[in-house]
PDB file of N, CA and C in Angstrom:
ATOM      1  N   UNK A   1       6.939  -4.839  11.873  1.00  0.00           N
ATOM      2  CA  UNK A   1       6.739  -3.765  11.237  1.00  0.00           C
ATOM      3  C   UNK A   1       7.932  -2.865  12.299  1.00  0.00           C
ATOM      4  N   UNK A   2       8.251  -2.132  11.375  1.00  0.00           N
ATOM      5  CA  UNK A   2       9.619  -1.258  11.845  1.00  0.00           C
ATOM      6  C   UNK A   2       8.758   0.216  11.703  1.00  0.00           C
ATOM      7  N   UNK A   3       9.066   1.364  12.322  1.00  0.00           N
ATOM      8  CA  UNK A   3       9.333   2.727  12.398  1.00  0.00           C
ATOM      9  C   UNK A   3      10.480   2.885  11.845  1.00  0.00           C
ATOM     10  N   UNK A   4      10.656   3.878  10.841  1.00  0.00           N
ATOM     11  CA  UNK A   4      12.176   4.881  10.725  1.00  0.00           C
ATOM     12  C   UNK A   4      11.801   5.936  10.569  1.00  0.00           C
ATOM     13  N   UNK A   5      13.243   6.811  11.927  1.00  0.00           N
ATOM     14  CA  UNK A   5      13.187   8.152  11.902  1.00  0.00           C
ATOM     15  C   UNK A   5      13.929   8.595  10.662  1.00  0.00           C
ATOM     16  N   UNK A   6      13.704   9.845  10.455  1.00  0.00           N
ATOM     17  CA  UNK A   6      14.440  10.847   9.687  1.00  0.00           C
ATOM     18  C   UNK A   6      14.190  11.980  10.349  1.00  0.00           C
ATOM     19  N   UNK A   7      15.807  12.577  10.382  1.00  0.00           N
ATOM     20  CA  UNK A   7      15.335  13.739  10.564  1.00  0.00           C
ATOM     21  C   UNK A   7      16.424  14.947   9.920  1.00  0.00           C
ATOM     22  N   UNK A   8      17.191  14.877   9.481  1.00  0.00           N
ATOM     23  CA  UNK A   8      17.742  15.482   8.663  1.00  0.00           C
ATOM     24  C   UNK A   8      17.272  15.715   7.176  1.00  0.00           C
ATOM     25  N   UNK A   9      17.943  16.791   6.306  1.00  0.00           N
ATOM     26  CA  UNK A   9      17.571  16.728   4.894  1.00  0.00           C
ATOM     27  C   UNK A   9      18.213  15.809   3.898  1.00  0.00           C
ATOM     28  N   UNK A  10      19.470  15.351   4.553  1.00  0.00           N
ATOM     29  CA  UNK A  10      20.052  14.563   3.519  1.00  0.00           C
ATOM     30  C   UNK A  10      19.486  12.947   3.904  1.00  0.00           C
ATOM     31  N   UNK A  11      18.677  12.959   5.075  1.00  0.00           N
ATOM     32  CA  UNK A  11      17.719  10.927   4.605  1.00  0.00           C
ATOM     33  C   UNK A  11      16.473  11.712   4.002  1.00  0.00           C
ATOM     34  N   UNK A  12      16.271  12.797   3.804  1.00  0.00           N
ATOM     35  CA  UNK A  12      14.293  13.207   3.557  1.00  0.00           C
ATOM     36  C   UNK A  12      14.448  11.751   2.206  1.00  0.00           C
ATOM     37  N   UNK A  13      13.246  11.061   2.563  1.00  0.00           N
ATOM     38  CA  UNK A  13      13.093  10.245   1.146  1.00  0.00           C
ATOM     39  C   UNK A  13      12.711  10.425  -0.134  1.00  0.00           C
ATOM     40  N   UNK A  14      12.735   9.985  -1.230  1.00  0.00           N
ATOM     41  CA  UNK A  14      12.241  10.688  -2.773  1.00  0.00           C
ATOM     42  C   UNK A  14      11.114   9.623  -2.433  1.00  0.00           C
ATOM     43  N   UNK A  15      10.510   9.701  -3.166  1.00  0.00           N
ATOM     44  CA  UNK A  15       8.741   9.437  -3.478  1.00  0.00           C
ATOM     45  C   UNK A  15       9.319   7.106  -3.482  1.00  0.00           C
ATOM     46  N   UNK A  16       9.851   7.306  -4.486  1.00  0.00           N
ATOM     47  CA  UNK A  16      10.670   5.832  -5.003  1.00  0.00           C
ATOM     48  C   UNK A  16      11.121   4.911  -3.664  1.00  0.00           C
ATOM     49  N   UNK A  17      11.914   5.885  -2.814  1.00  0.00           N
ATOM     50  CA  UNK A  17      12.165   4.750  -1.893  1.00  0.00           C
ATOM     51  C   UNK A  17      11.426   4.933  -0.522  1.00  0.00           C
ATOM     52  N   UNK A  18      10.395   5.892  -0.507  1.00  0.00           N
ATOM     53  CA  UNK A  18       9.506   6.029   0.638  1.00  0.00           C
ATOM     54  C   UNK A  18       8.027   4.510  -0.325  1.00  0.00           C
ATOM     55  N   UNK A  19       8.117   4.203  -1.094  1.00  0.00           N
ATOM     56  CA  UNK A  19       7.076   3.611  -1.629  1.00  0.00           C
ATOM     57  C   UNK A  19       7.854   2.123  -1.819  1.00  0.00           C
ATOM     58  N   UNK A  20       9.129   1.940  -1.519  1.00  0.00           N
ATOM     59  CA  UNK A  20       9.532   0.818  -1.348  1.00  0.00           C
ATOM     60  C   UNK A  20       9.462   0.495  -0.007  1.00  0.00           C
ATOM     61  N   UNK A  21       9.767   1.009   1.078  1.00  0.00           N
ATOM     62  CA  UNK A  21      10.144   0.748   2.433  1.00  0.00           C
ATOM     63  C   UNK A  21       8.698   0.399   2.583  1.00  0.00           C
ATOM     64  N   UNK A  22       7.381   1.236   2.691  1.00  0.00           N
ATOM     65  CA  UNK A  22       6.400   0.704   2.886  1.00  0.00           C
ATOM     66  C   UNK A  22       5.788  -0.454   2.281  1.00  0.00           C
ATOM     67  N   UNK A  23       6.295  -0.183   0.853  1.00  0.00           N
ATOM     68  CA  UNK A  23       5.670  -1.870   0.238  1.00  0.00           C
ATOM     69  C   UNK A  23       4.783  -1.416  -0.950  1.00  0.00           C
ATOM     70  N   UNK A  24       4.187  -0.080  -1.288  1.00  0.00           N
ATOM     71  CA  UNK A  24       3.557   0.330  -1.847  1.00  0.00           C
ATOM     72  C   UNK A  24       3.493   1.671  -2.162  1.00  0.00           C
ATOM     73  N   UNK A  25       1.872   2.193  -2.111  1.00  0.00           N
ATOM     74  CA  UNK A  25       1.479   3.415  -2.259  1.00  0.00           C
ATOM     75  C   UNK A  25       1.605   3.736  -0.936  1.00  0.00           C
ATOM     76  N   UNK A  26       2.461   5.415  -1.226  1.00  0.00           N
ATOM     77  CA  UNK A  26       2.564   5.925   0.132  1.00  0.00           C
ATOM     78  C   UNK A  26       1.209   7.137  -0.015  1.00  0.00           C
ATOM     79  N   UNK A  27       0.841   7.449   1.871  1.00  0.00           N
ATOM     80  CA  UNK A  27      -0.222   8.005   2.348  1.00  0.00           C
ATOM     81  C   UNK A  27       0.556   8.682   2.894  1.00  0.00           C
ATOM     82  N   UNK A  28       0.329  10.909   3.478  1.00  0.00           N
ATOM     83  CA  UNK A  28       0.887  10.855   4.108  1.00  0.00           C
ATOM     84  C   UNK A  28       0.093  11.738   5.114  1.00  0.00           C
ATOM     85  N   UNK A  29       0.225  11.019   6.422  1.00  0.00           N
ATOM     86  CA  UNK A  29      -0.245  11.025   7.275  1.00  0.00           C
ATOM     87  C   UNK A  29       0.133  12.126   8.374  1.00  0.00           C
ATOM     88  N   UNK A  30      -0.345  13.654   8.241  1.00  0.00           N
ATOM     89  CA  UNK A  30       0.447  14.713   9.058  1.00  0.00           C
ATOM     90  C   UNK A  30       0.226  14.549  10.303  1.00  0.00           C
ATOM     91  N   UNK A  31       1.038  14.544  11.674  1.00  0.00           N
ATOM     92  CA  UNK A  31       1.092  15.024  12.770  1.00  0.00           C
ATOM     93  C   UNK A  31       1.165  16.390  13.136  1.00  0.00           C
ATOM     94  N   UNK A  32       0.039  16.893  14.675  1.00  0.00           N
ATOM     95  CA  UNK A  32      -0.354  17.909  15.146  1.00  0.00           C
ATOM     96  C   UNK A  32       1.425  18.520  15.380  1.00  0.00           C
ATOM     97  N   UNK A  33       2.175  18.057  15.938  1.00  0.00           N
ATOM     98  CA  UNK A  33       3.189  18.850  15.962  1.00  0.00           C
ATOM     99  C   UNK A  33       4.207  19.024  14.427  1.00  0.00           C
ATOM    100  N   UNK A  34       3.778  18.533  13.855  1.00  0.00           N
ATOM    101  CA  UNK A  34       4.062  19.072  12.101  1.00  0.00           C
ATOM    102  C   UNK A  34       4.724  17.970  11.503  1.00  0.00           C
ATOM    103  N   UNK A  35       5.115  17.317  12.331  1.00  0.00           N
ATOM    104  CA  UNK A  35       5.475  16.101  11.858  1.00  0.00           C
ATOM    105  C   UNK A  35       4.791  14.931  10.675  1.00  0.00           C
ATOM    106  N   UNK A  36       5.577  13.843   9.999  1.00  0.00           N
ATOM    107  CA  UNK A  36       4.496  13.663   9.306  1.00  0.00           C
ATOM    108  C   UNK A  36       5.413  12.078   9.187  1.00  0.00           C
ATOM    109  N   UNK A  37       4.261  11.369   8.883  1.00  0.00           N
ATOM    110  CA  UNK A  37       4.112  10.235   9.118  1.00  0.00           C
ATOM    111  C   UNK A  37       3.616   9.598   7.487  1.00  0.00           C
ATOM    112  N   UNK A  38       4.811   8.506   6.548  1.00  0.00           N
ATOM    113  CA  UNK A  38       4.674   8.076   5.455  1.00  0.00           C
ATOM    114  C   UNK A  38       4.708   6.446   6.178  1.00  0.00           C
ATOM    115  N   UNK A  39       3.273   6.071   5.113  1.00  0.00           N
ATOM    116  CA  UNK A  39       2.161   5.229   5.449  1.00  0.00           C
ATOM    117  C   UNK A  39       2.511   3.963   3.711  1.00  0.00           C
ATOM    118  N   UNK A  40       1.547   3.093   3.944  1.00  0.00           N
ATOM    119  CA  UNK A  40       1.478   2.448   2.652  1.00  0.00           C
ATOM    120  C   UNK A  40      -0.357   2.871   3.188  1.00  0.00           C
ATOM    121  N   UNK A  41      -0.226   2.992   1.579  1.00  0.00           N
ATOM    122  CA  UNK A  41      -2.039   3.931   1.736  1.00  0.00           C
ATOM    123  C   UNK A  41      -3.105   2.780   1.481  1.00  0.00           C
ATOM    124  N   UNK A  42      -2.370   1.207   1.515  1.00  0.00           N
ATOM    125  CA  UNK A  42      -3.894   0.179   1.050  1.00  0.00           C
ATOM    126  C   UNK A  42      -2.877  -0.878   1.823  1.00  0.00           C
ATOM    127  N   UNK A  43      -2.819  -0.805   3.221  1.00  0.00           N
ATOM    128  CA  UNK A  43      -2.569  -1.651   4.357  1.00  0.00           C
ATOM    129  C   UNK A  43      -3.687  -2.427   4.692  1.00  0.00           C
ATOM    130  N   UNK A  44      -4.941  -1.780   4.221  1.00  0.00           N
ATOM    131  CA  UNK A  44      -6.204  -2.367   4.813  1.00  0.00           C
ATOM    132  C   UNK A  44      -5.844  -3.697   4.082  1.00  0.00           C
ATOM    133  N   UNK A  45      -5.949  -3.256   2.470  1.00  0.00           N
ATOM    134  CA  UNK A  45      -6.336  -4.125   1.359  1.00  0.00           C
ATOM    135  C   UNK A  45      -4.839  -5.312   1.348  1.00  0.00           C
ATOM    136  N   UNK A  46      -4.201  -5.204   2.148  1.00  0.00           N
ATOM    137  CA  UNK A  46      -2.826  -5.990   1.842  1.00  0.00           C
ATOM    138  C   UNK A  46      -3.183  -6.988   3.208  1.00  0.00           C
ATOM    139  N   UNK A  47      -3.503  -6.878   4.736  1.00  0.00           N
ATOM    140  CA  UNK A  47      -3.841  -6.848   5.666  1.00  0.00           C
ATOM    141  C   UNK A  47      -2.407  -7.222   6.468  1.00  0.00           C
ATOM    142  N   UNK A  48      -2.046  -6.034   6.087  1.00  0.00           N
ATOM    143  CA  UNK A  48      -0.864  -5.629   6.931  1.00  0.00           C
ATOM    144  C   UNK A  48      -0.651  -5.186   8.111  1.00  0.00           C
ATOM    145  N   UNK A  49       0.216  -6.147   9.069  1.00  0.00           N
ATOM    146  CA  UNK A  49       0.035  -5.610  10.390  1.00  0.00           C
ATOM    147  C   UNK A  49       0.065  -4.521  11.438  1.00  0.00           C
ATOM    148  N   UNK A  50      -0.249  -4.548  12.324  1.00  0.00           N
ATOM    149  CA  UNK A  50      -0.352  -3.067  12.639  1.00  0.00           C
ATOM    150  C   UNK A  50       0.889  -2.658  13.658  1.00  0.00           C
ATOM    151  N   UNK A  51       1.461  -1.939  13.152  1.00  0.00           N
ATOM    152  CA  UNK A  51       2.568  -0.903  13.559  1.00  0.00           C
ATOM    153  C   UNK A  51       2.554  -0.296  14.788  1.00  0.00           C
ATOM    154  N   UNK A  52       2.880  -1.168  15.590  1.00  0.00           N
ATOM    155  CA  UNK A  52       2.635  -0.170  17.066  1.00  0.00           C
ATOM    156  C   UNK A  52       3.087   1.070  17.624  1.00  0.00           C
ATOM    157  N   UNK A  53       4.583   1.099  17.311  1.00  0.00           N
ATOM    158  CA  UNK A  53       5.008   2.579  17.714  1.00  0.00           C
ATOM    159  C   UNK A  53       5.055   3.612  16.488  1.00  0.00           C
ATOM    160  N   UNK A  54       4.460   2.919  15.211  1.00  0.00           N
ATOM    161  CA  UNK A  54       3.245   3.832  14.230  1.00  0.00           C
ATOM    162  C   UNK A  54       1.915   4.652  15.036  1.00  0.00           C
ATOM    163  N   UNK A  55       1.862   3.958  15.415  1.00  0.00           N
ATOM    164  CA  UNK A  55       0.579   3.857  15.939  1.00  0.00           C
ATOM    165  C   UNK A  55      -0.154   5.031  16.846  1.00  0.00           C
ATOM    166  N   UNK A  56       1.003   4.608  17.751  1.00  0.00           N
ATOM    167  CA  UNK A  56       1.272   5.508  18.829  1.00  0.00           C
ATOM    168  C   UNK A  56       1.653   6.917  18.126  1.00  0.00           C
ATOM    169  N   UNK A  57       2.431   7.266  17.700  1.00  0.00           N
ATOM    170  CA  UNK A  57       3.285   8.618  17.264  1.00  0.00           C
ATOM    171  C   UNK A  57       1.675   9.102  16.374  1.00  0.00           C
ATOM    172  N   UNK A  58       1.008   8.842  15.704  1.00  0.00           N
ATOM    173  CA  UNK A  58      -0.247   8.882  15.258  1.00  0.00           C
ATOM    174  C   UNK A  58      -1.207   9.221  15.776  1.00  0.00           C
ATOM    175  N   UNK A  59      -1.755   8.395  17.332  1.00  0.00           N
ATOM    176  CA  UNK A  59      -2.956   7.984  17.849  1.00  0.00           C
ATOM    177  C   UNK A  59      -3.896   7.429  17.357  1.00  0.00           C
ATOM    178  N   UNK A  60      -3.806   6.668  16.105  1.00  0.00           N
ATOM    179  CA  UNK A  60      -4.685   5.944  15.457  1.00  0.00           C
ATOM    180  C   UNK A  60      -4.026   5.102  14.774  1.00  0.00           C
ATOM    181  N   UNK A  61      -4.537   3.635  14.181  1.00  0.00           N
ATOM    182  CA  UNK A  61      -4.050   2.212  14.250  1.00  0.00           C
ATOM    183  C   UNK A  61      -2.931   2.831  12.535  1.00  0.00           C
ATOM    184  N   UNK A  62      -1.773   2.516  12.743  1.00  0.00           N
ATOM    185  CA  UNK A  62      -1.000   2.544  11.362  1.00  0.00           C
ATOM    186  C   UNK A  62      -0.710   0.899  11.417  1.00  0.00           C
ATOM    187  N   UNK A  63      -0.751   0.446   9.820  1.00  0.00           N
ATOM    188  CA  UNK A  63      -0.632  -1.266   9.830  1.00  0.00           C
ATOM    189  C   UNK A  63       0.800  -0.440   8.567  1.00  0.00           C
ATOM    190  N   UNK A  64       1.635  -1.776   8.404  1.00  0.00           N
ATOM    191  CA  UNK A  64       2.987  -1.712   8.072  1.00  0.00           C
ATOM    192  C   UNK A  64       4.324  -1.189   8.461  1.00  0.00           C
ATOM    193  N   UNK A  65       5.069  -0.892   7.531  1.00  0.00           N
ATOM    194  CA  UNK A  65       6.266   0.065   7.679  1.00  0.00           C
ATOM    195  C   UNK A  65       5.495   1.357   8.062  1.00  0.00           C
ATOM    196  N   UNK A  66       6.550   2.207   8.452  1.00  0.00           N
ATOM    197  CA  UNK A  66       6.236   3.275   8.729  1.00  0.00           C
ATOM    198  C   UNK A  66       7.598   4.128   8.426  1.00  0.00           C
ATOM    199  N   UNK A  67       7.462   5.498   8.186  1.00  0.00           N
ATOM    200  CA  UNK A  67       8.463   6.427   7.901  1.00  0.00           C
ATOM    201  C   UNK A  67       8.191   8.084   8.621  1.00  0.00           C
ATOM    202  N   UNK A  68       9.078   8.112   9.673  1.00  0.00           N
ATOM    203  CA  UNK A  68       8.385   9.249  10.565  1.00  0.00           C
ATOM    204  C   UNK A  68       8.851  10.359  10.204  1.00  0.00           C
ATOM    205  N   UNK A  69       9.092  11.697   9.621  1.00  0.00           N
ATOM    206  CA  UNK A  69       9.317  12.840   9.247  1.00  0.00           C
ATOM    207  C   UNK A  69       9.457  13.351  10.494  1.00  0.00           C
ATOM    208  N   UNK A  70      10.960  14.309  10.878  1.00  0.00           N
ATOM    209  CA  UNK A  70      10.608  15.104  11.524  1.00  0.00           C
ATOM    210  C   UNK A  70      11.806  16.059  10.944  1.00  0.00           C
ATOM    211  N   UNK A  71      11.457  17.349  11.527  1.00  0.00           N
ATOM    212  CA  UNK A  71      12.527  18.459  11.254  1.00  0.00           C
ATOM    213  C   UNK A  71      12.746  18.941   9.579  1.00  0.00           C
ATOM    214  N   UNK A  72      14.000  19.475   9.254  1.00  0.00           N
ATOM    215  CA  UNK A  72      14.279  18.516   7.879  1.00  0.00           C
ATOM    216  C   UNK A  72      14.221  17.750   6.923  1.00  0.00           C
ATOM    217  N   UNK A  73      13.791  16.617   7.391  1.00  0.00           N
ATOM    218  CA  UNK A  73      13.343  15.643   6.436  1.00  0.00           C
ATOM    219  C   UNK A  73      11.878  15.215   5.997  1.00  0.00           C
ATOM    220  N   UNK A  74      10.746  16.483   6.892  1.00  0.00           N
ATOM    221  CA  UNK A  74       9.429  17.131   6.454  1.00  0.00           C
ATOM    222  C   UNK A  74       9.640  16.941   4.710  1.00  0.00           C
ATOM    223  N   UNK A  75       8.794  16.317   4.282  1.00  0.00           N
ATOM    224  CA  UNK A  75       7.643  16.978   2.694  1.00  0.00           C
ATOM    225  C   UNK A  75       7.455  17.878   2.390  1.00  0.00           C
ATOM    226  N   UNK A  76       7.955  19.037   1.530  1.00  0.00           N
ATOM    227  CA  UNK A  76       6.931  20.476   1.527  1.00  0.00           C
ATOM    228  C   UNK A  76       5.859  19.535   0.362  1.00  0.00           C
TER     229      UNK A  76
END
């Protein structure tokens, strides 16, 4: 499983790009310091494997590919 880290405005993904990367519907998971994780909303239904780097960031289990949005890459 992959954790893509984006920081700049130019790197900010569109909804379509995020959906393609996570492989389905996108759920935004806010993190305490203001960063955001974009994950597959149906990870459990699709039996996706645990993404350990993303789970560490979120302090909860994250399944499938995820995108970490920091700084200017955050969604409004």
